[in-house]
Amino acid sequence: MLATREQELIALHAEHFSRIYQYIAYRINDRERAEELANDVFRIVWENNHRSRPVSDG
């Protein structure tokens, strides 16, 4: 079973990859490189997920 954090990151990727990819592809006009860069965004998020802290209301 995947840890909750992993499931959240998978859901984040599923929800946002397309828009991030489309934006990068538009900006650099290179679809293959845009896919690599969009995946890099999520790799960086994954590598740094231990640094994130929940936002408190108080």
C-alpha atoms as a PDB file:
ATOM      1  CA  MET A   1       0.000   0.000   0.000  1.00  0.00           C
ATOM      2  CA  LEU A   2       1.285   3.447  -0.879  1.00  0.00           C
ATOM      3  CA  ALA A   3       1.904   5.937   1.860  1.00  0.00           C
ATOM      4  CA  THR A   4      -0.551   8.812   2.062  1.00  0.00           C
ATOM      5  CA  ARG A   5       2.137  11.288   0.962  1.00  0.00           C
ATOM      6  CA  GLU A   6       2.847   9.238  -2.163  1.00  0.00           C
ATOM      7  CA  GLN A   7      -0.853   9.066  -2.978  1.00  0.00           C
ATOM      8  CA  GLU A   8      -1.138  12.842  -2.616  1.00  0.00           C
ATOM      9  CA  LEU A   9       1.799  13.390  -4.972  1.00  0.00           C
ATOM     10  CA  ILE A  10       0.347  10.964  -7.518  1.00  0.00           C
ATOM     11  CA  ALA A  11      -2.972  12.826  -7.358  1.00  0.00           C
ATOM     12  CA  LEU A  12      -1.144  16.144  -7.689  1.00  0.00           C
ATOM     13  CA  HIS A  13       0.614  14.883 -10.828  1.00  0.00           C
ATOM     14  CA  ALA A  14      -2.624  13.560 -12.314  1.00  0.00           C
ATOM     15  CA  GLU A  15      -4.410  16.841 -11.670  1.00  0.00           C
ATOM     16  CA  HIS A  16      -1.754  19.322 -12.768  1.00  0.00           C
ATOM     17  CA  PHE A  17       0.652  17.673 -15.220  1.00  0.00           C
ATOM     18  CA  SER A  18      -1.327  18.544 -18.332  1.00  0.00           C
ATOM     19  CA  ARG A  19      -1.561  22.263 -17.576  1.00  0.00           C
ATOM     20  CA  ILE A  20       2.089  22.524 -16.557  1.00  0.00           C
ATOM     21  CA  TYR A  21       3.135  20.648 -19.691  1.00  0.00           C
ATOM     22  CA  GLN A  22       0.953  22.816 -21.936  1.00  0.00           C
ATOM     23  CA  TYR A  23       2.339  26.014 -20.431  1.00  0.00           C
ATOM     24  CA  ILE A  24       5.950  24.912 -20.833  1.00  0.00           C
ATOM     25  CA  ALA A  25       5.336  23.632 -24.379  1.00  0.00           C
ATOM     26  CA  TYR A  26       3.771  26.973 -25.294  1.00  0.00           C
ATOM     27  CA  ARG A  27       6.701  28.919 -23.830  1.00  0.00           C
ATOM     28  CA  ILE A  28       9.531  26.881 -25.363  1.00  0.00           C
ATOM     29  CA  ASN A  29       7.797  25.467 -28.473  1.00  0.00           C
ATOM     30  CA  ASP A  30       9.349  22.012 -27.982  1.00  0.00           C
ATOM     31  CA  ARG A  31       6.927  19.283 -26.924  1.00  0.00           C
ATOM     32  CA  GLU A  32       9.497  16.629 -26.057  1.00  0.00           C
ATOM     33  CA  ARG A  33      11.553  18.989 -23.903  1.00  0.00           C
ATOM     34  CA  ALA A  34       8.357  20.365 -22.342  1.00  0.00           C
ATOM     35  CA  GLU A  35       7.409  16.866 -21.208  1.00  0.00           C
ATOM     36  CA  GLU A  36      10.852  16.395 -19.662  1.00  0.00           C
ATOM     37  CA  LEU A  37      10.644  19.742 -17.870  1.00  0.00           C
ATOM     38  CA  ALA A  38       7.114  19.122 -16.627  1.00  0.00           C
ATOM     39  CA  ASN A  39       8.253  15.793 -15.213  1.00  0.00           C
ATOM     40  CA  ASP A  40      11.204  17.591 -13.604  1.00  0.00           C
ATOM     41  CA  VAL A  41       8.735  19.837 -11.772  1.00  0.00           C
ATOM     42  CA  PHE A  42       7.140  16.805 -10.136  1.00  0.00           C
ATOM     43  CA  ARG A  43      10.513  15.145  -9.491  1.00  0.00           C
ATOM     44  CA  ILE A  44      11.586  18.254  -7.580  1.00  0.00           C
ATOM     45  CA  VAL A  45       8.326  18.269  -5.641  1.00  0.00           C
ATOM     46  CA  TRP A  46       8.869  14.595  -4.789  1.00  0.00           C
ATOM     47  CA  GLU A  47      12.480  15.145  -3.720  1.00  0.00           C
ATOM     48  CA  ASN A  48      11.478  18.050  -1.494  1.00  0.00           C
ATOM     49  CA  ASN A  49       8.197  16.710  -0.122  1.00  0.00           C
ATOM     50  CA  HIS A  50       9.801  16.082   3.264  1.00  0.00           C
ATOM     51  CA  ARG A  51      10.368  19.830   3.609  1.00  0.00           C
ATOM     52  CA  SER A  52       6.730  20.807   3.275  1.00  0.00           C
ATOM     53  CA  ARG A  53       4.781  21.596   6.391  1.00  0.00           C
ATOM     54  CA  PRO A  54       1.033  21.775   6.800  1.00  0.00           C
ATOM     55  CA  VAL A  55      -0.401  25.265   6.823  1.00  0.00           C
ATOM     56  CA  SER A  56      -1.953  26.011  10.179  1.00  0.00           C
ATOM     57  CA  ASP A  57      -4.984  28.202  10.689  1.00  0.00           C
ATOM     58  CA  GLY A  58      -3.622  29.657  13.879  1.00  0.00           C
END
